[in-house]
Amino acid sequence: QVQLVESGGGLVQPGGSLRLSCLTSGITFSRYALNWYRQAPGKERELVAGIRGPGGSTNYADSVKGRFTISRDNVKNTVDLQMNSLKPEDTAVYYCNAFKRDGAQWNYWGQGTQVTVSS
């Protein structure tokens, strides 16, 4: 059974930092691209950051470049999102995603964790 479990969300003031973590199980972790998405109220889910296989490349939404950093631990099977200089517009539910395409497509989601940036 595949599970992705996020943690680390919460309430933070503008300019503050949070670190999200996603613990995965039930997948061959090293073969998956790992992503963080977010969805704000009334908006579509958007890709925030992604990281490819072991030592792979990263990509970020323009809105978070220079502030967020995605990383993966291929021993602990976790993917983290370090979020600095948070802004109110970063408020959303953040979702962990694991994706692989090898003929078939494999796409798994966590349950989400709320991040609220407010004074």
PDB file of N, CA and C in Angstrom:
ATOM      1  N   GLN A   1       0.836  -1.184   0.000  1.00  0.00           N
ATOM      2  CA  GLN A   1       0.000   0.000   0.000  1.00  0.00           C
ATOM      3  C   GLN A   1       0.880   1.246   0.000  1.00  0.00           C
ATOM      4  N   VAL A   2       0.596   2.138  -0.942  1.00  0.00           N
ATOM      5  CA  VAL A   2       1.372   3.367  -1.069  1.00  0.00           C
ATOM      6  C   VAL A   2       0.824   4.419  -0.113  1.00  0.00           C
ATOM      7  N   GLN A   3       1.726   5.063   0.615  1.00  0.00           N
ATOM      8  CA  GLN A   3       1.327   6.148   1.503  1.00  0.00           C
ATOM      9  C   GLN A   3       2.315   7.300   1.376  1.00  0.00           C
ATOM     10  N   LEU A   4       1.768   8.511   1.313  1.00  0.00           N
ATOM     11  CA  LEU A   4       2.549   9.730   1.384  1.00  0.00           C
ATOM     12  C   LEU A   4       1.935  10.550   2.515  1.00  0.00           C
ATOM     13  N   VAL A   5       2.734  10.857   3.523  1.00  0.00           N
ATOM     14  CA  VAL A   5       2.224  11.540   4.703  1.00  0.00           C
ATOM     15  C   VAL A   5       3.018  12.830   4.919  1.00  0.00           C
ATOM     16  N   GLU A   6       2.301  13.956   4.786  1.00  0.00           N
ATOM     17  CA  GLU A   6       2.943  15.263   4.970  1.00  0.00           C
ATOM     18  C   GLU A   6       2.897  15.693   6.430  1.00  0.00           C
ATOM     19  N   SER A   7       3.866  16.509   6.796  1.00  0.00           N
ATOM     20  CA  SER A   7       3.883  17.106   8.126  1.00  0.00           C
ATOM     21  C   SER A   7       4.617  18.445   8.042  1.00  0.00           C
ATOM     22  N   GLY A   8       4.441  19.262   9.076  1.00  0.00           N
ATOM     23  CA  GLY A   8       5.192  20.503   9.168  1.00  0.00           C
ATOM     24  C   GLY A   8       4.429  21.766   8.851  1.00  0.00           C
ATOM     25  N   GLY A   9       3.176  21.627   8.454  1.00  0.00           N
ATOM     26  CA  GLY A   9       2.390  22.822   8.172  1.00  0.00           C
ATOM     27  C   GLY A   9       2.027  23.561   9.451  1.00  0.00           C
ATOM     28  N   GLY A  10       1.436  24.745   9.277  1.00  0.00           N
ATOM     29  CA  GLY A  10       1.022  25.513  10.437  1.00  0.00           C
ATOM     30  C   GLY A  10       0.832  26.974  10.105  1.00  0.00           C
ATOM     31  N   LEU A  11       0.765  27.766  11.153  1.00  0.00           N
ATOM     32  CA  LEU A  11       0.578  29.211  11.033  1.00  0.00           C
ATOM     33  C   LEU A  11       1.914  29.911  11.259  1.00  0.00           C
ATOM     34  N   VAL A  12       2.256  30.816  10.362  1.00  0.00           N
ATOM     35  CA  VAL A  12       3.522  31.544  10.471  1.00  0.00           C
ATOM     36  C   VAL A  12       3.292  32.990  10.037  1.00  0.00           C
ATOM     37  N   GLN A  13       4.065  33.892  10.600  1.00  0.00           N
ATOM     38  CA  GLN A  13       3.953  35.298  10.230  1.00  0.00           C
ATOM     39  C   GLN A  13       4.669  35.561   8.908  1.00  0.00           C
ATOM     40  N   PRO A  14       4.249  36.588   8.199  1.00  0.00           N
ATOM     41  CA  PRO A  14       4.967  36.958   6.968  1.00  0.00           C
ATOM     42  C   PRO A  14       6.457  37.162   7.240  1.00  0.00           C
ATOM     43  N   GLY A  15       7.270  36.642   6.337  1.00  0.00           N
ATOM     44  CA  GLY A  15       8.713  36.698   6.513  1.00  0.00           C
ATOM     45  C   GLY A  15       9.287  35.507   7.250  1.00  0.00           C
ATOM     46  N   GLY A  16       8.438  34.686   7.809  1.00  0.00           N
ATOM     47  CA  GLY A  16       8.882  33.524   8.558  1.00  0.00           C
ATOM     48  C   GLY A  16       9.205  32.330   7.674  1.00  0.00           C
ATOM     49  N   SER A  17       9.531  31.217   8.324  1.00  0.00           N
ATOM     50  CA  SER A  17       9.928  29.995   7.632  1.00  0.00           C
ATOM     51  C   SER A  17       9.161  28.790   8.160  1.00  0.00           C
ATOM     52  N   LEU A  18       8.990  27.828   7.283  1.00  0.00           N
ATOM     53  CA  LEU A  18       8.444  26.533   7.643  1.00  0.00           C
ATOM     54  C   LEU A  18       9.163  25.475   6.827  1.00  0.00           C
ATOM     55  N   ARG A  19       9.218  24.285   7.377  1.00  0.00           N
ATOM     56  CA  ARG A  19       9.777  23.150   6.640  1.00  0.00           C
ATOM     57  C   ARG A  19       8.741  22.044   6.597  1.00  0.00           C
ATOM     58  N   LEU A  20       8.313  21.708   5.386  1.00  0.00           N
ATOM     59  CA  LEU A  20       7.389  20.604   5.192  1.00  0.00           C
ATOM     60  C   LEU A  20       8.171  19.335   4.908  1.00  0.00           C
ATOM     61  N   SER A  21       7.648  18.222   5.388  1.00  0.00           N
ATOM     62  CA  SER A  21       8.269  16.933   5.122  1.00  0.00           C
ATOM     63  C   SER A  21       7.206  15.954   4.670  1.00  0.00           C
ATOM     64  N   CYS A  22       7.594  15.058   3.773  1.00  0.00           N
ATOM     65  CA  CYS A  22       6.684  14.024   3.263  1.00  0.00           C
ATOM     66  C   CYS A  22       7.390  12.684   3.379  1.00  0.00           C
ATOM     67  N   LEU A  23       6.815  11.820   4.180  1.00  0.00           N
ATOM     68  CA  LEU A  23       7.349  10.467   4.346  1.00  0.00           C
ATOM     69  C   LEU A  23       6.592   9.529   3.424  1.00  0.00           C
ATOM     70  N   THR A  24       7.314   8.804   2.587  1.00  0.00           N
ATOM     71  CA  THR A  24       6.674   7.894   1.645  1.00  0.00           C
ATOM     72  C   THR A  24       6.931   6.450   2.038  1.00  0.00           C
ATOM     73  N   SER A  25       6.007   5.591   1.636  1.00  0.00           N
ATOM     74  CA  SER A  25       6.178   4.156   1.814  1.00  0.00           C
ATOM     75  C   SER A  25       5.417   3.445   0.712  1.00  0.00           C
ATOM     76  N   GLY A  26       5.860   2.230   0.398  1.00  0.00           N
ATOM     77  CA  GLY A  26       5.161   1.434  -0.598  1.00  0.00           C
ATOM     78  C   GLY A  26       5.569   1.690  -2.031  1.00  0.00           C
ATOM     79  N   ILE A  27       6.576   2.555  -2.249  1.00  0.00           N
ATOM     80  CA  ILE A  27       7.075   2.801  -3.601  1.00  0.00           C
ATOM     81  C   ILE A  27       8.585   2.603  -3.627  1.00  0.00           C
ATOM     82  N   THR A  28       9.117   2.333  -4.815  1.00  0.00           N
ATOM     83  CA  THR A  28      10.571   2.313  -4.987  1.00  0.00           C
ATOM     84  C   THR A  28      11.002   3.761  -5.118  1.00  0.00           C
ATOM     85  N   PHE A  29      11.337   4.363  -4.014  1.00  0.00           N
ATOM     86  CA  PHE A  29      11.477   5.809  -3.894  1.00  0.00           C
ATOM     87  C   PHE A  29      12.400   6.407  -4.953  1.00  0.00           C
ATOM     88  N   SER A  30      13.535   5.765  -5.192  1.00  0.00           N
ATOM     89  CA  SER A  30      14.545   6.342  -6.076  1.00  0.00           C
ATOM     90  C   SER A  30      14.069   6.445  -7.521  1.00  0.00           C
ATOM     91  N   ARG A  31      13.032   5.744  -7.885  1.00  0.00           N
ATOM     92  CA  ARG A  31      12.563   5.738  -9.266  1.00  0.00           C
ATOM     93  C   ARG A  31      11.505   6.803  -9.543  1.00  0.00           C
ATOM     94  N   TYR A  32      11.123   7.518  -8.514  1.00  0.00           N
ATOM     95  CA  TYR A  32      10.049   8.494  -8.649  1.00  0.00           C
ATOM     96  C   TYR A  32      10.572   9.923  -8.623  1.00  0.00           C
ATOM     97  N   ALA A  33       9.932  10.753  -9.434  1.00  0.00           N
ATOM     98  CA  ALA A  33      10.059  12.189  -9.264  1.00  0.00           C
ATOM     99  C   ALA A  33       9.142  12.591  -8.105  1.00  0.00           C
ATOM    100  N   LEU A  34       9.637  13.499  -7.275  1.00  0.00           N
ATOM    101  CA  LEU A  34       8.864  13.962  -6.130  1.00  0.00           C
ATOM    102  C   LEU A  34       8.528  15.434  -6.299  1.00  0.00           C
ATOM    103  N   ASN A  35       7.310  15.778  -5.996  1.00  0.00           N
ATOM    104  CA  ASN A  35       6.834  17.148  -6.208  1.00  0.00           C
ATOM    105  C   ASN A  35       6.052  17.650  -5.003  1.00  0.00           C
ATOM    106  N   TRP A  36       6.049  18.947  -4.871  1.00  0.00           N
ATOM    107  CA  TRP A  36       5.146  19.628  -3.934  1.00  0.00           C
ATOM    108  C   TRP A  36       4.217  20.523  -4.758  1.00  0.00           C
ATOM    109  N   TYR A  37       2.925  20.348  -4.525  1.00  0.00           N
ATOM    110  CA  TYR A  37       1.896  21.188  -5.112  1.00  0.00           C
ATOM    111  C   TYR A  37       1.214  21.956  -3.986  1.00  0.00           C
ATOM    112  N   ARG A  38       0.460  22.981  -4.386  1.00  0.00           N
ATOM    113  CA  ARG A  38      -0.362  23.685  -3.404  1.00  0.00           C
ATOM    114  C   ARG A  38      -1.673  24.118  -4.045  1.00  0.00           C
ATOM    115  N   GLN A  39      -2.671  24.285  -3.200  1.00  0.00           N
ATOM    116  CA  GLN A  39      -3.975  24.737  -3.670  1.00  0.00           C
ATOM    117  C   GLN A  39      -4.537  25.714  -2.664  1.00  0.00           C
ATOM    118  N   ALA A  40      -4.732  26.936  -3.121  1.00  0.00           N
ATOM    119  CA  ALA A  40      -5.343  27.974  -2.294  1.00  0.00           C
ATOM    120  C   ALA A  40      -6.851  27.971  -2.527  1.00  0.00           C
ATOM    121  N   PRO A  41      -7.606  28.494  -1.587  1.00  0.00           N
ATOM    122  CA  PRO A  41      -9.075  28.519  -1.754  1.00  0.00           C
ATOM    123  C   PRO A  41      -9.481  29.220  -3.038  1.00  0.00           C
ATOM    124  N   GLY A  42     -10.327  28.548  -3.810  1.00  0.00           N
ATOM    125  CA  GLY A  42     -10.829  29.136  -5.041  1.00  0.00           C
ATOM    126  C   GLY A  42      -9.871  29.099  -6.209  1.00  0.00           C
ATOM    127  N   LYS A  43      -8.724  28.454  -6.024  1.00  0.00           N
ATOM    128  CA  LYS A  43      -7.726  28.388  -7.094  1.00  0.00           C
ATOM    129  C   LYS A  43      -7.420  26.946  -7.451  1.00  0.00           C
ATOM    130  N   GLU A  44      -6.824  26.768  -8.633  1.00  0.00           N
ATOM    131  CA  GLU A  44      -6.436  25.441  -9.058  1.00  0.00           C
ATOM    132  C   GLU A  44      -5.147  25.012  -8.345  1.00  0.00           C
ATOM    133  N   ARG A  45      -4.979  23.695  -8.259  1.00  0.00           N
ATOM    134  CA  ARG A  45      -3.746  23.171  -7.692  1.00  0.00           C
ATOM    135  C   ARG A  45      -2.590  23.512  -8.627  1.00  0.00           C
ATOM    136  N   GLU A  46      -1.479  23.969  -8.048  1.00  0.00           N
ATOM    137  CA  GLU A  46      -0.327  24.360  -8.854  1.00  0.00           C
ATOM    138  C   GLU A  46       0.934  23.681  -8.356  1.00  0.00           C
ATOM    139  N   LEU A  47       1.852  23.427  -9.303  1.00  0.00           N
ATOM    140  CA  LEU A  47       3.142  22.848  -8.959  1.00  0.00           C
ATOM    141  C   LEU A  47       4.014  23.917  -8.323  1.00  0.00           C
ATOM    142  N   VAL A  48       4.561  23.615  -7.151  1.00  0.00           N
ATOM    143  CA  VAL A  48       5.439  24.540  -6.444  1.00  0.00           C
ATOM    144  C   VAL A  48       6.897  24.201  -6.717  1.00  0.00           C
ATOM    145  N   ALA A  49       7.251  22.924  -6.563  1.00  0.00           N
ATOM    146  CA  ALA A  49       8.639  22.511  -6.741  1.00  0.00           C
ATOM    147  C   ALA A  49       8.679  21.023  -7.050  1.00  0.00           C
ATOM    148  N   GLY A  50       9.714  20.606  -7.793  1.00  0.00           N
ATOM    149  CA  GLY A  50       9.885  19.210  -8.125  1.00  0.00           C
ATOM    150  C   GLY A  50      11.347  18.816  -8.110  1.00  0.00           C
ATOM    151  N   ILE A  51      11.599  17.529  -7.869  1.00  0.00           N
ATOM    152  CA  ILE A  51      12.970  17.022  -7.870  1.00  0.00           C
ATOM    153  C   ILE A  51      12.966  15.641  -8.495  1.00  0.00           C
ATOM    154  N   ARG A  52      13.917  15.389  -9.397  1.00  0.00           N
ATOM    155  CA  ARG A  52      13.964  14.127 -10.121  1.00  0.00           C
ATOM    156  C   ARG A  52      14.636  13.059  -9.282  1.00  0.00           C
ATOM    157  N   GLY A  53      15.094  11.965  -9.920  1.00  0.00           N
ATOM    158  CA  GLY A  53      15.689  10.837  -9.216  1.00  0.00           C
ATOM    159  C   GLY A  53      16.909  11.237  -8.409  1.00  0.00           C
ATOM    160  N   PRO A  54      17.597  10.238  -7.814  1.00  0.00           N
ATOM    161  CA  PRO A  54      18.723  10.546  -6.936  1.00  0.00           C
ATOM    162  C   PRO A  54      19.688  11.548  -7.563  1.00  0.00           C
ATOM    163  N   GLY A  55      19.898  12.634  -6.853  1.00  0.00           N
ATOM    164  CA  GLY A  55      20.795  13.663  -7.375  1.00  0.00           C
ATOM    165  C   GLY A  55      20.262  14.392  -8.570  1.00  0.00           C
ATOM    166  N   GLY A  56      18.954  14.274  -8.792  1.00  0.00           N
ATOM    167  CA  GLY A  56      18.361  14.837  -9.987  1.00  0.00           C
ATOM    168  C   GLY A  56      18.155  16.330  -9.932  1.00  0.00           C
ATOM    169  N   SER A  57      17.681  16.864 -11.033  1.00  0.00           N
ATOM    170  CA  SER A  57      17.482  18.298 -11.151  1.00  0.00           C
ATOM    171  C   SER A  57      16.229  18.730 -10.411  1.00  0.00           C
ATOM    172  N   THR A  58      16.179  20.014 -10.114  1.00  0.00           N
ATOM    173  CA  THR A  58      15.034  20.589  -9.434  1.00  0.00           C
ATOM    174  C   THR A  58      14.389  21.654 -10.314  1.00  0.00           C
ATOM    175  N   ASN A  59      13.133  21.911 -10.054  1.00  0.00           N
ATOM    176  CA  ASN A  59      12.450  22.996 -10.736  1.00  0.00           C
ATOM    177  C   ASN A  59      11.480  23.650  -9.763  1.00  0.00           C
ATOM    178  N   TYR A  60      11.239  24.946  -9.982  1.00  0.00           N
ATOM    179  CA  TYR A  60      10.418  25.726  -9.068  1.00  0.00           C
ATOM    180  C   TYR A  60       9.465  26.626  -9.840  1.00  0.00           C
ATOM    181  N   ALA A  61       8.318  26.878  -9.238  1.00  0.00           N
ATOM    182  CA  ALA A  61       7.439  27.909  -9.765  1.00  0.00           C
ATOM    183  C   ALA A  61       8.142  29.263  -9.620  1.00  0.00           C
ATOM    184  N   ASP A  62       7.895  30.143 -10.566  1.00  0.00           N
ATOM    185  CA  ASP A  62       8.537  31.460 -10.520  1.00  0.00           C
ATOM    186  C   ASP A  62       8.237  32.181  -9.210  1.00  0.00           C
ATOM    187  N   SER A  63       7.053  31.971  -8.684  1.00  0.00           N
ATOM    188  CA  SER A  63       6.618  32.690  -7.483  1.00  0.00           C
ATOM    189  C   SER A  63       7.391  32.294  -6.226  1.00  0.00           C
ATOM    190  N   VAL A  64       8.103  31.159  -6.254  1.00  0.00           N
ATOM    191  CA  VAL A  64       8.811  30.703  -5.051  1.00  0.00           C
ATOM    192  C   VAL A  64      10.319  30.609  -5.252  1.00  0.00           C
ATOM    193  N   LYS A  65      10.800  30.859  -6.465  1.00  0.00           N
ATOM    194  CA  LYS A  65      12.243  30.779  -6.727  1.00  0.00           C
ATOM    195  C   LYS A  65      13.015  31.698  -5.803  1.00  0.00           C
ATOM    196  N   GLY A  66      14.090  31.158  -5.235  1.00  0.00           N
ATOM    197  CA  GLY A  66      14.916  31.933  -4.315  1.00  0.00           C
ATOM    198  C   GLY A  66      14.417  31.909  -2.886  1.00  0.00           C
ATOM    199  N   ARG A  67      13.205  31.403  -2.669  1.00  0.00           N
ATOM    200  CA  ARG A  67      12.653  31.352  -1.305  1.00  0.00           C
ATOM    201  C   ARG A  67      12.438  29.924  -0.817  1.00  0.00           C
ATOM    202  N   PHE A  68      12.075  29.031  -1.729  1.00  0.00           N
ATOM    203  CA  PHE A  68      11.784  27.639  -1.370  1.00  0.00           C
ATOM    204  C   PHE A  68      12.894  26.733  -1.895  1.00  0.00           C
ATOM    205  N   THR A  69      13.159  25.652  -1.155  1.00  0.00           N
ATOM    206  CA  THR A  69      14.138  24.660  -1.581  1.00  0.00           C
ATOM    207  C   THR A  69      13.566  23.272  -1.357  1.00  0.00           C
ATOM    208  N   ILE A  70      13.575  22.465  -2.408  1.00  0.00           N
ATOM    209  CA  ILE A  70      13.119  21.082  -2.307  1.00  0.00           C
ATOM    210  C   ILE A  70      14.337  20.170  -2.206  1.00  0.00           C
ATOM    211  N   SER A  71      14.205  19.122  -1.397  1.00  0.00           N
ATOM    212  CA  SER A  71      15.297  18.159  -1.249  1.00  0.00           C
ATOM    213  C   SER A  71      14.698  16.783  -0.980  1.00  0.00           C
ATOM    214  N   ARG A  72      15.486  15.761  -1.283  1.00  0.00           N
ATOM    215  CA  ARG A  72      15.023  14.395  -1.039  1.00  0.00           C
ATOM    216  C   ARG A  72      16.099  13.617  -0.318  1.00  0.00           C
ATOM    217  N   ASP A  73      15.667  12.676   0.513  1.00  0.00           N
ATOM    218  CA  ASP A  73      16.565  11.770   1.228  1.00  0.00           C
ATOM    219  C   ASP A  73      16.223  10.367   0.773  1.00  0.00           C
ATOM    220  N   ASN A  74      17.113   9.784  -0.016  1.00  0.00           N
ATOM    221  CA  ASN A  74      16.835   8.477  -0.625  1.00  0.00           C
ATOM    222  C   ASN A  74      17.076   7.312   0.321  1.00  0.00           C
ATOM    223  N   VAL A  75      17.505   7.608   1.538  1.00  0.00           N
ATOM    224  CA  VAL A  75      17.623   6.578   2.575  1.00  0.00           C
ATOM    225  C   VAL A  75      16.366   6.577   3.443  1.00  0.00           C
ATOM    226  N   LYS A  76      15.939   7.776   3.830  1.00  0.00           N
ATOM    227  CA  LYS A  76      14.748   7.891   4.676  1.00  0.00           C
ATOM    228  C   LYS A  76      13.446   7.879   3.871  1.00  0.00           C
ATOM    229  N   ASN A  77      13.564   7.983   2.531  1.00  0.00           N
ATOM    230  CA  ASN A  77      12.400   8.031   1.646  1.00  0.00           C
ATOM    231  C   ASN A  77      11.507   9.226   1.948  1.00  0.00           C
ATOM    232  N   THR A  78      12.136  10.357   2.131  1.00  0.00           N
ATOM    233  CA  THR A  78      11.398  11.581   2.416  1.00  0.00           C
ATOM    234  C   THR A  78      11.738  12.665   1.391  1.00  0.00           C
ATOM    235  N   VAL A  79      10.804  13.569   1.230  1.00  0.00           N
ATOM    236  CA  VAL A  79      11.043  14.759   0.417  1.00  0.00           C
ATOM    237  C   VAL A  79      10.591  15.956   1.244  1.00  0.00           C
ATOM    238  N   ASP A  80      11.448  16.950   1.335  1.00  0.00           N
ATOM    239  CA  ASP A  80      11.193  18.116   2.158  1.00  0.00           C
ATOM    240  C   ASP A  80      11.050  19.370   1.295  1.00  0.00           C
ATOM    241  N   LEU A  81      10.361  20.344   1.860  1.00  0.00           N
ATOM    242  CA  LEU A  81      10.254  21.644   1.225  1.00  0.00           C
ATOM    243  C   LEU A  81      10.560  22.700   2.282  1.00  0.00           C
ATOM    244  N   GLN A  82      11.705  23.329   2.154  1.00  0.00           N
ATOM    245  CA  GLN A  82      12.079  24.415   3.045  1.00  0.00           C
ATOM    246  C   GLN A  82      11.530  25.712   2.462  1.00  0.00           C
ATOM    247  N   MET A  83      10.720  26.397   3.253  1.00  0.00           N
ATOM    248  CA  MET A  83      10.056  27.606   2.780  1.00  0.00           C
ATOM    249  C   MET A  83      10.507  28.784   3.636  1.00  0.00           C
ATOM    250  N   ASN A  84      11.165  29.737   3.012  1.00  0.00           N
ATOM    251  CA  ASN A  84      11.652  30.931   3.700  1.00  0.00           C
ATOM    252  C   ASN A  84      10.968  32.172   3.138  1.00  0.00           C
ATOM    253  N   SER A  85      11.072  33.251   3.868  1.00  0.00           N
ATOM    254  CA  SER A  85      10.495  34.544   3.443  1.00  0.00           C
ATOM    255  C   SER A  85       9.045  34.371   3.000  1.00  0.00           C
ATOM    256  N   LEU A  86       8.285  33.692   3.814  1.00  0.00           N
ATOM    257  CA  LEU A  86       6.905  33.378   3.443  1.00  0.00           C
ATOM    258  C   LEU A  86       6.057  34.633   3.328  1.00  0.00           C
ATOM    259  N   LYS A  87       5.116  34.568   2.387  1.00  0.00           N
ATOM    260  CA  LYS A  87       4.213  35.677   2.105  1.00  0.00           C
ATOM    261  C   LYS A  87       2.772  35.217   2.307  1.00  0.00           C
ATOM    262  N   PRO A  88       1.855  36.135   2.548  1.00  0.00           N
ATOM    263  CA  PRO A  88       0.448  35.728   2.695  1.00  0.00           C
ATOM    264  C   PRO A  88      -0.065  34.947   1.491  1.00  0.00           C
ATOM    265  N   GLU A  89       0.432  35.259   0.305  1.00  0.00           N
ATOM    266  CA  GLU A  89      -0.030  34.549  -0.890  1.00  0.00           C
ATOM    267  C   GLU A  89       0.499  33.120  -0.975  1.00  0.00           C
ATOM    268  N   ASP A  90       1.370  32.724  -0.056  1.00  0.00           N
ATOM    269  CA  ASP A  90       1.801  31.331   0.019  1.00  0.00           C
ATOM    270  C   ASP A  90       0.799  30.470   0.801  1.00  0.00           C
ATOM    271  N   THR A  91      -0.197  31.098   1.385  1.00  0.00           N
ATOM    272  CA  THR A  91      -1.211  30.364   2.138  1.00  0.00           C
ATOM    273  C   THR A  91      -1.953  29.398   1.222  1.00  0.00           C
ATOM    274  N   ALA A  92      -1.969  28.129   1.614  1.00  0.00           N
ATOM    275  CA  ALA A  92      -2.584  27.083   0.786  1.00  0.00           C
ATOM    276  C   ALA A  92      -2.471  25.754   1.522  1.00  0.00           C
ATOM    277  N   VAL A  93      -3.146  24.767   0.976  1.00  0.00           N
ATOM    278  CA  VAL A  93      -2.894  23.383   1.377  1.00  0.00           C
ATOM    279  C   VAL A  93      -1.794  22.852   0.469  1.00  0.00           C
ATOM    280  N   TYR A  94      -0.755  22.304   1.066  1.00  0.00           N
ATOM    281  CA  TYR A  94       0.399  21.799   0.325  1.00  0.00           C
ATOM    282  C   TYR A  94       0.326  20.274   0.269  1.00  0.00           C
ATOM    283  N   TYR A  95       0.523  19.764  -0.953  1.00  0.00           N
ATOM    284  CA  TYR A  95       0.409  18.327  -1.200  1.00  0.00           C
ATOM    285  C   TYR A  95       1.728  17.759  -1.711  1.00  0.00           C
ATOM    286  N   CYS A  96       2.087  16.619  -1.190  1.00  0.00           N
ATOM    287  CA  CYS A  96       3.225  15.856  -1.677  1.00  0.00           C
ATOM    288  C   CYS A  96       2.747  14.938  -2.807  1.00  0.00           C
ATOM    289  N   ASN A  97       3.590  14.786  -3.828  1.00  0.00           N
ATOM    290  CA  ASN A  97       3.240  13.969  -4.988  1.00  0.00           C
ATOM    291  C   ASN A  97       4.442  13.139  -5.414  1.00  0.00           C
ATOM    292  N   ALA A  98       4.169  11.881  -5.750  1.00  0.00           N
ATOM    293  CA  ALA A  98       5.193  10.999  -6.312  1.00  0.00           C
ATOM    294  C   ALA A  98       4.729  10.560  -7.694  1.00  0.00           C
ATOM    295  N   PHE A  99       5.613  10.705  -8.683  1.00  0.00           N
ATOM    296  CA  PHE A  99       5.219  10.463 -10.079  1.00  0.00           C
ATOM    297  C   PHE A  99       6.292   9.667 -10.809  1.00  0.00           C
ATOM    298  N   LYS A 100       5.817   8.714 -11.615  1.00  0.00           N
ATOM    299  CA  LYS A 100       6.727   7.935 -12.447  1.00  0.00           C
ATOM    300  C   LYS A 100       6.008   7.574 -13.737  1.00  0.00           C
ATOM    301  N   ARG A 101       6.748   7.616 -14.840  1.00  0.00           N
ATOM    302  CA  ARG A 101       6.205   7.163 -16.118  1.00  0.00           C
ATOM    303  C   ARG A 101       7.203   6.210 -16.740  1.00  0.00           C
ATOM    304  N   ASP A 102       6.768   4.946 -16.927  1.00  0.00           N
ATOM    305  CA  ASP A 102       7.647   3.956 -17.568  1.00  0.00           C
ATOM    306  C   ASP A 102       6.827   3.068 -18.466  1.00  0.00           C
ATOM    307  N   GLY A 103       6.074   3.705 -19.376  1.00  0.00           N
ATOM    308  CA  GLY A 103       5.101   2.969 -20.168  1.00  0.00           C
ATOM    309  C   GLY A 103       3.755   3.228 -19.531  1.00  0.00           C
ATOM    310  N   ALA A 104       3.589   2.788 -18.307  1.00  0.00           N
ATOM    311  CA  ALA A 104       2.417   3.163 -17.520  1.00  0.00           C
ATOM    312  C   ALA A 104       2.755   4.430 -16.739  1.00  0.00           C
ATOM    313  N   GLN A 105       1.717   5.048 -16.168  1.00  0.00           N
ATOM    314  CA  GLN A 105       1.923   6.247 -15.369  1.00  0.00           C
ATOM    315  C   GLN A 105       1.498   5.948 -13.949  1.00  0.00           C
ATOM    316  N   TRP A 106       2.367   6.333 -12.994  1.00  0.00           N
ATOM    317  CA  TRP A 106       2.111   6.107 -11.582  1.00  0.00           C
ATOM    318  C   TRP A 106       2.113   7.467 -10.887  1.00  0.00           C
ATOM    319  N   ASN A 107       1.027   7.765 -10.194  1.00  0.00           N
ATOM    320  CA  ASN A 107       0.847   9.103  -9.636  1.00  0.00           C
ATOM    321  C   ASN A 107       0.172   8.974  -8.271  1.00  0.00           C
ATOM    322  N   TYR A 108       0.879   9.376  -7.227  1.00  0.00           N
ATOM    323  CA  TYR A 108       0.371   9.234  -5.870  1.00  0.00           C
ATOM    324  C   TYR A 108       0.394  10.571  -5.148  1.00  0.00           C
ATOM    325  N   TRP A 109      -0.592  10.753  -4.237  1.00  0.00           N
ATOM    326  CA  TRP A 109      -0.747  12.021  -3.516  1.00  0.00           C
ATOM    327  C   TRP A 109      -0.846  11.786  -2.012  1.00  0.00           C
ATOM    328  N   GLY A 110      -0.354  12.767  -1.266  1.00  0.00           N
ATOM    329  CA  GLY A 110      -0.602  12.792   0.157  1.00  0.00           C
ATOM    330  C   GLY A 110      -1.929  13.471   0.453  1.00  0.00           C
ATOM    331  N   GLN A 111      -2.258  13.557   1.742  1.00  0.00           N
ATOM    332  CA  GLN A 111      -3.551  14.107   2.140  1.00  0.00           C
ATOM    333  C   GLN A 111      -3.514  15.626   2.250  1.00  0.00           C
ATOM    334  N   GLY A 112      -2.330  16.219   2.252  1.00  0.00           N
ATOM    335  CA  GLY A 112      -2.181  17.671   2.309  1.00  0.00           C
ATOM    336  C   GLY A 112      -1.938  18.184   3.719  1.00  0.00           C
ATOM    337  N   THR A 113      -1.248  19.311   3.785  1.00  0.00           N
ATOM    338  CA  THR A 113      -1.014  19.974   5.063  1.00  0.00           C
ATOM    339  C   THR A 113      -1.228  21.477   4.869  1.00  0.00           C
ATOM    340  N   GLN A 114      -1.908  22.094   5.815  1.00  0.00           N
ATOM    341  CA  GLN A 114      -2.271  23.506   5.685  1.00  0.00           C
ATOM    342  C   GLN A 114      -1.105  24.398   6.095  1.00  0.00           C
ATOM    343  N   VAL A 115      -0.820  25.368   5.245  1.00  0.00           N
ATOM    344  CA  VAL A 115       0.141  26.428   5.554  1.00  0.00           C
ATOM    345  C   VAL A 115      -0.601  27.749   5.505  1.00  0.00           C
ATOM    346  N   THR A 116      -0.555  28.487   6.606  1.00  0.00           N
ATOM    347  CA  THR A 116      -1.209  29.785   6.682  1.00  0.00           C
ATOM    348  C   THR A 116      -0.177  30.835   7.056  1.00  0.00           C
ATOM    349  N   VAL A 117      -0.065  31.852   6.209  1.00  0.00           N
ATOM    350  CA  VAL A 117       0.881  32.944   6.451  1.00  0.00           C
ATOM    351  C   VAL A 117       0.064  34.187   6.756  1.00  0.00           C
ATOM    352  N   SER A 118       0.120  34.607   8.006  1.00  0.00           N
ATOM    353  CA  SER A 118      -0.712  35.723   8.431  1.00  0.00           C
ATOM    354  C   SER A 118      -0.128  36.357   9.680  1.00  0.00           C
ATOM    355  N   SER A 119      -0.336  37.660   9.806  1.00  0.00           N
ATOM    356  CA  SER A 119       0.095  38.359  11.017  1.00  0.00           C
ATOM    357  C   SER A 119      -1.054  38.429  12.017  1.00  0.00           C
TER     358      SER A 119
END
